Amino acid sequence: MRISIDHDVCIGAGQCALTAPGVFTQDDDGFGALVPGREDGGGDPLVREAARGCPVRAIEVAD
């Protein structure tokens, strides 16, 4: 699995970090970021739910 966040689209809603905190976090400016070392999702079943929950669809998950 490969996860990417479009930082030009992200508005910092934080839904990703709330849904899958083991994979997503927020950077110093409050925008979505991946937890270091978890760029592949680490098998977390909530990654796709976090992507679906993003209000601006800034998260892409590819297999």
PDB file of N, CA and C in Angstrom:
ATOM      1  N   MET A   1       0.852  -1.169   0.000  1.00  0.00           N
ATOM      2  CA  MET A   1       0.000   0.000   0.000  1.00  0.00           C
ATOM      3  C   MET A   1       0.898   1.231   0.000  1.00  0.00           C
ATOM      4  N   ARG A   2       0.482   2.233  -0.759  1.00  0.00           N
ATOM      5  CA  ARG A   2       1.203   3.499  -0.790  1.00  0.00           C
ATOM      6  C   ARG A   2       0.204   4.615  -0.494  1.00  0.00           C
ATOM      7  N   ILE A   3       0.540   5.482   0.435  1.00  0.00           N
ATOM      8  CA  ILE A   3      -0.350   6.561   0.857  1.00  0.00           C
ATOM      9  C   ILE A   3       0.305   7.889   0.503  1.00  0.00           C
ATOM     10  N   SER A   4      -0.474   8.790  -0.051  1.00  0.00           N
ATOM     11  CA  SER A   4       0.052  10.131  -0.310  1.00  0.00           C
ATOM     12  C   SER A   4      -0.996  11.158   0.093  1.00  0.00           C
ATOM     13  N   ILE A   5      -0.504  12.309   0.512  1.00  0.00           N
ATOM     14  CA  ILE A   5      -1.366  13.422   0.905  1.00  0.00           C
ATOM     15  C   ILE A   5      -1.037  14.591  -0.008  1.00  0.00           C
ATOM     16  N   ASP A   6      -2.038  15.123  -0.671  1.00  0.00           N
ATOM     17  CA  ASP A   6      -1.845  16.290  -1.530  1.00  0.00           C
ATOM     18  C   ASP A   6      -1.862  17.516  -0.621  1.00  0.00           C
ATOM     19  N   HIS A   7      -0.693  18.046  -0.357  1.00  0.00           N
ATOM     20  CA  HIS A   7      -0.565  19.164   0.584  1.00  0.00           C
ATOM     21  C   HIS A   7      -1.106  20.472   0.012  1.00  0.00           C
ATOM     22  N   ASP A   8      -1.321  20.525  -1.316  1.00  0.00           N
ATOM     23  CA  ASP A   8      -1.931  21.706  -1.918  1.00  0.00           C
ATOM     24  C   ASP A   8      -3.440  21.716  -1.712  1.00  0.00           C
ATOM     25  N   VAL A   9      -4.007  20.551  -1.390  1.00  0.00           N
ATOM     26  CA  VAL A   9      -5.454  20.417  -1.208  1.00  0.00           C
ATOM     27  C   VAL A   9      -5.832  20.353   0.279  1.00  0.00           C
ATOM     28  N   CYS A  10      -4.976  19.766   1.099  1.00  0.00           N
ATOM     29  CA  CYS A  10      -5.258  19.565   2.529  1.00  0.00           C
ATOM     30  C   CYS A  10      -5.598  20.891   3.212  1.00  0.00           C
ATOM     31  N   ILE A  11      -6.664  20.860   4.021  1.00  0.00           N
ATOM     32  CA  ILE A  11      -7.079  22.054   4.770  1.00  0.00           C
ATOM     33  C   ILE A  11      -6.825  21.905   6.274  1.00  0.00           C
ATOM     34  N   GLY A  12      -6.263  20.769   6.676  1.00  0.00           N
ATOM     35  CA  GLY A  12      -5.939  20.570   8.084  1.00  0.00           C
ATOM     36  C   GLY A  12      -7.128  20.235   8.964  1.00  0.00           C
ATOM     37  N   ALA A  13      -8.144  19.579   8.404  1.00  0.00           N
ATOM     38  CA  ALA A  13      -9.324  19.223   9.188  1.00  0.00           C
ATOM     39  C   ALA A  13      -8.984  18.227  10.296  1.00  0.00           C
ATOM     40  N   GLY A  14      -7.971  17.392  10.076  1.00  0.00           N
ATOM     41  CA  GLY A  14      -7.530  16.459  11.110  1.00  0.00           C
ATOM     42  C   GLY A  14      -8.303  15.159  11.193  1.00  0.00           C
ATOM     43  N   GLN A  15      -9.245  14.937  10.285  1.00  0.00           N
ATOM     44  CA  GLN A  15     -10.025  13.702  10.319  1.00  0.00           C
ATOM     45  C   GLN A  15      -9.148  12.472  10.130  1.00  0.00           C
ATOM     46  N   CYS A  16      -8.102  12.586   9.314  1.00  0.00           N
ATOM     47  CA  CYS A  16      -7.218  11.442   9.090  1.00  0.00           C
ATOM     48  C   CYS A  16      -6.521  11.036  10.388  1.00  0.00           C
ATOM     49  N   ALA A  17      -6.012  12.020  11.124  1.00  0.00           N
ATOM     50  CA  ALA A  17      -5.307  11.740  12.379  1.00  0.00           C
ATOM     51  C   ALA A  17      -6.259  11.208  13.446  1.00  0.00           C
ATOM     52  N   LEU A  18      -7.500  11.630  13.414  1.00  0.00           N
ATOM     53  CA  LEU A  18      -8.482  11.123  14.366  1.00  0.00           C
ATOM     54  C   LEU A  18      -8.900   9.699  14.033  1.00  0.00           C
ATOM     55  N   THR A  19      -8.985   9.391  12.741  1.00  0.00           N
ATOM     56  CA  THR A  19      -9.451   8.077  12.306  1.00  0.00           C
ATOM     57  C   THR A  19      -8.366   7.015  12.403  1.00  0.00           C
ATOM     58  N   ALA A  20      -7.156   7.339  11.960  1.00  0.00           N
ATOM     59  CA  ALA A  20      -6.046   6.370  11.956  1.00  0.00           C
ATOM     60  C   ALA A  20      -4.794   7.017  12.540  1.00  0.00           C
ATOM     61  N   PRO A  21      -4.776   7.251  13.853  1.00  0.00           N
ATOM     62  CA  PRO A  21      -3.653   7.962  14.476  1.00  0.00           C
ATOM     63  C   PRO A  21      -2.328   7.216  14.426  1.00  0.00           C
ATOM     64  N   GLY A  22      -2.353   5.946  14.124  1.00  0.00           N
ATOM     65  CA  GLY A  22      -1.110   5.200  13.988  1.00  0.00           C
ATOM     66  C   GLY A  22      -0.413   5.448  12.669  1.00  0.00           C
ATOM     67  N   VAL A  23      -1.122   6.060  11.728  1.00  0.00           N
ATOM     68  CA  VAL A  23      -0.575   6.311  10.391  1.00  0.00           C
ATOM     69  C   VAL A  23      -0.508   7.806  10.078  1.00  0.00           C
ATOM     70  N   PHE A  24      -1.538   8.555  10.494  1.00  0.00           N
ATOM     71  CA  PHE A  24      -1.608   9.976  10.177  1.00  0.00           C
ATOM     72  C   PHE A  24      -1.387  10.829  11.419  1.00  0.00           C
ATOM     73  N   THR A  25      -0.821  11.988  11.190  1.00  0.00           N
ATOM     74  CA  THR A  25      -0.627  12.979  12.242  1.00  0.00           C
ATOM     75  C   THR A  25      -0.835  14.340  11.598  1.00  0.00           C
ATOM     76  N   GLN A  26      -0.569  15.388  12.327  1.00  0.00           N
ATOM     77  CA  GLN A  26      -0.616  16.727  11.760  1.00  0.00           C
ATOM     78  C   GLN A  26       0.748  17.371  11.956  1.00  0.00           C
ATOM     79  N   ASP A  27       1.190  18.115  10.930  1.00  0.00           N
ATOM     80  CA  ASP A  27       2.494  18.761  11.015  1.00  0.00           C
ATOM     81  C   ASP A  27       2.404  20.007  11.894  1.00  0.00           C
ATOM     82  N   ASP A  28       3.495  20.727  11.991  1.00  0.00           N
ATOM     83  CA  ASP A  28       3.539  21.908  12.861  1.00  0.00           C
ATOM     84  C   ASP A  28       2.559  22.998  12.453  1.00  0.00           C
ATOM     85  N   ASP A  29       2.147  22.974  11.189  1.00  0.00           N
ATOM     86  CA  ASP A  29       1.187  23.961  10.702  1.00  0.00           C
ATOM     87  C   ASP A  29      -0.253  23.457  10.768  1.00  0.00           C
ATOM     88  N   GLY A  30      -0.449  22.231  11.255  1.00  0.00           N
ATOM     89  CA  GLY A  30      -1.779  21.678  11.411  1.00  0.00           C
ATOM     90  C   GLY A  30      -2.305  20.896  10.222  1.00  0.00           C
ATOM     91  N   PHE A  31      -1.465  20.689   9.215  1.00  0.00           N
ATOM     92  CA  PHE A  31      -1.897  19.955   8.034  1.00  0.00           C
ATOM     93  C   PHE A  31      -1.573  18.476   8.179  1.00  0.00           C
ATOM     94  N   GLY A  32      -2.305  17.643   7.433  1.00  0.00           N
ATOM     95  CA  GLY A  32      -2.122  16.201   7.495  1.00  0.00           C
ATOM     96  C   GLY A  32      -0.717  15.782   7.092  1.00  0.00           C
ATOM     97  N   ALA A  33      -0.216  14.775   7.776  1.00  0.00           N
ATOM     98  CA  ALA A  33       1.109  14.227   7.494  1.00  0.00           C
ATOM     99  C   ALA A  33       1.095  12.749   7.870  1.00  0.00           C
ATOM    100  N   LEU A  34       2.051  12.029   7.335  1.00  0.00           N
ATOM    101  CA  LEU A  34       2.184  10.609   7.673  1.00  0.00           C
ATOM    102  C   LEU A  34       3.154  10.455   8.830  1.00  0.00           C
ATOM    103  N   VAL A  35       2.845   9.550   9.725  1.00  0.00           N
ATOM    104  CA  VAL A  35       3.751   9.241  10.834  1.00  0.00           C
ATOM    105  C   VAL A  35       5.014   8.638  10.211  1.00  0.00           C
ATOM    106  N   PRO A  36       6.193   9.121  10.578  1.00  0.00           N
ATOM    107  CA  PRO A  36       7.422   8.568  10.018  1.00  0.00           C
ATOM    108  C   PRO A  36       7.494   7.048  10.188  1.00  0.00           C
ATOM    109  N   GLY A  37       7.824   6.384   9.085  1.00  0.00           N
ATOM    110  CA  GLY A  37       7.911   4.942   9.096  1.00  0.00           C
ATOM    111  C   GLY A  37       6.601   4.239   8.800  1.00  0.00           C
ATOM    112  N   ARG A  38       5.534   4.989   8.651  1.00  0.00           N
ATOM    113  CA  ARG A  38       4.211   4.385   8.397  1.00  0.00           C
ATOM    114  C   ARG A  38       3.681   4.758   7.014  1.00  0.00           C
ATOM    115  N   GLU A  39       4.564   5.137   6.105  1.00  0.00           N
ATOM    116  CA  GLU A  39       4.171   5.560   4.769  1.00  0.00           C
ATOM    117  C   GLU A  39       3.441   4.466   3.992  1.00  0.00           C
ATOM    118  N   ASP A  40       3.621   3.202   4.410  1.00  0.00           N
ATOM    119  CA  ASP A  40       2.947   2.094   3.739  1.00  0.00           C
ATOM    120  C   ASP A  40       1.657   1.691   4.460  1.00  0.00           C
ATOM    121  N   GLY A  41       1.275   2.420   5.470  1.00  0.00           N
ATOM    122  CA  GLY A  41       0.047   2.148   6.215  1.00  0.00           C
ATOM    123  C   GLY A  41       0.215   1.171   7.349  1.00  0.00           C
ATOM    124  N   GLY A  42       1.313   0.426   7.343  1.00  0.00           N
ATOM    125  CA  GLY A  42       1.591  -0.503   8.432  1.00  0.00           C
ATOM    126  C   GLY A  42       0.491  -1.515   8.686  1.00  0.00           C
ATOM    127  N   GLY A  43      -0.306  -1.813   7.669  1.00  0.00           N
ATOM    128  CA  GLY A  43      -1.378  -2.788   7.842  1.00  0.00           C
ATOM    129  C   GLY A  43      -2.580  -2.272   8.613  1.00  0.00           C
ATOM    130  N   ASP A  44      -2.618  -0.976   8.894  1.00  0.00           N
ATOM    131  CA  ASP A  44      -3.727  -0.400   9.659  1.00  0.00           C
ATOM    132  C   ASP A  44      -5.011  -0.454   8.830  1.00  0.00           C
ATOM    133  N   PRO A  45      -6.044  -1.140   9.319  1.00  0.00           N
ATOM    134  CA  PRO A  45      -7.290  -1.276   8.552  1.00  0.00           C
ATOM    135  C   PRO A  45      -8.074   0.034   8.432  1.00  0.00           C
ATOM    136  N   LEU A  46      -7.702   1.060   9.178  1.00  0.00           N
ATOM    137  CA  LEU A  46      -8.441   2.318   9.148  1.00  0.00           C
ATOM    138  C   LEU A  46      -7.904   3.318   8.135  1.00  0.00           C
ATOM    139  N   VAL A  47      -6.836   2.964   7.414  1.00  0.00           N
ATOM    140  CA  VAL A  47      -6.236   3.895   6.449  1.00  0.00           C
ATOM    141  C   VAL A  47      -7.243   4.287   5.370  1.00  0.00           C
ATOM    142  N   ARG A  48      -7.907   3.308   4.793  1.00  0.00           N
ATOM    143  CA  ARG A  48      -8.874   3.612   3.729  1.00  0.00           C
ATOM    144  C   ARG A  48     -10.067   4.403   4.270  1.00  0.00           C
ATOM    145  N   GLU A  49     -10.475   4.121   5.482  1.00  0.00           N
ATOM    146  CA  GLU A  49     -11.555   4.882   6.115  1.00  0.00           C
ATOM    147  C   GLU A  49     -11.126   6.335   6.311  1.00  0.00           C
ATOM    148  N   ALA A  50      -9.878   6.544   6.705  1.00  0.00           N
ATOM    149  CA  ALA A  50      -9.358   7.904   6.879  1.00  0.00           C
ATOM    150  C   ALA A  50      -9.357   8.647   5.548  1.00  0.00           C
ATOM    151  N   ALA A  51      -8.964   7.970   4.477  1.00  0.00           N
ATOM    152  CA  ALA A  51      -8.958   8.596   3.156  1.00  0.00           C
ATOM    153  C   ALA A  51     -10.380   8.969   2.729  1.00  0.00           C
ATOM    154  N   ARG A  52     -11.322   8.069   2.959  1.00  0.00           N
ATOM    155  CA  ARG A  52     -12.724   8.354   2.610  1.00  0.00           C
ATOM    156  C   ARG A  52     -13.290   9.494   3.447  1.00  0.00           C
ATOM    157  N   GLY A  53     -12.820   9.627   4.677  1.00  0.00           N
ATOM    158  CA  GLY A  53     -13.324  10.655   5.575  1.00  0.00           C
ATOM    159  C   GLY A  53     -12.735  12.035   5.371  1.00  0.00           C
ATOM    160  N   CYS A  54     -11.708  12.132   4.533  1.00  0.00           N
ATOM    161  CA  CYS A  54     -11.093  13.444   4.285  1.00  0.00           C
ATOM    162  C   CYS A  54     -12.100  14.335   3.561  1.00  0.00           C
ATOM    163  N   PRO A  55     -12.447  15.496   4.134  1.00  0.00           N
ATOM    164  CA  PRO A  55     -13.479  16.338   3.532  1.00  0.00           C
ATOM    165  C   PRO A  55     -13.102  16.944   2.187  1.00  0.00           C
ATOM    166  N   VAL A  56     -11.814  17.000   1.869  1.00  0.00           N
ATOM    167  CA  VAL A  56     -11.382  17.567   0.582  1.00  0.00           C
ATOM    168  C   VAL A  56     -10.699  16.538  -0.307  1.00  0.00           C
ATOM    169  N   ARG A  57     -10.733  15.257   0.107  1.00  0.00           N
ATOM    170  CA  ARG A  57     -10.165  14.139  -0.668  1.00  0.00           C
ATOM    171  C   ARG A  57      -8.684  14.362  -0.981  1.00  0.00           C
ATOM    172  N   ALA A  58      -7.929  14.789   0.033  1.00  0.00           N
ATOM    173  CA  ALA A  58      -6.501  15.050  -0.151  1.00  0.00           C
ATOM    174  C   ALA A  58      -5.641  13.795  -0.007  1.00  0.00           C
ATOM    175  N   ILE A  59      -6.234  12.682   0.423  1.00  0.00           N
ATOM    176  CA  ILE A  59      -5.472  11.452   0.667  1.00  0.00           C
ATOM    177  C   ILE A  59      -5.732  10.447  -0.440  1.00  0.00           C
ATOM    178  N   GLU A  60      -4.648   9.902  -0.976  1.00  0.00           N
ATOM    179  CA  GLU A  60      -4.758   8.847  -1.983  1.00  0.00           C
ATOM    180  C   GLU A  60      -4.110   7.594  -1.448  1.00  0.00           C
ATOM    181  N   VAL A  61      -4.801   6.479  -1.592  1.00  0.00           N
ATOM    182  CA  VAL A  61      -4.284   5.180  -1.166  1.00  0.00           C
ATOM    183  C   VAL A  61      -4.226   4.278  -2.398  1.00  0.00           C
ATOM    184  N   ALA A  62      -3.034   3.781  -2.691  1.00  0.00           N
ATOM    185  CA  ALA A  62      -2.851   2.892  -3.842  1.00  0.00           C
ATOM    186  C   ALA A  62      -2.231   1.595  -3.366  1.00  0.00           C
ATOM    187  N   ASP A  63      -2.627   0.506  -4.005  1.00  0.00           N
ATOM    188  CA  ASP A  63      -2.059  -0.803  -3.650  1.00  0.00           C
ATOM    189  C   ASP A  63      -0.798  -1.086  -4.433  1.00  0.00           C
TER     190      ASP A  63
END
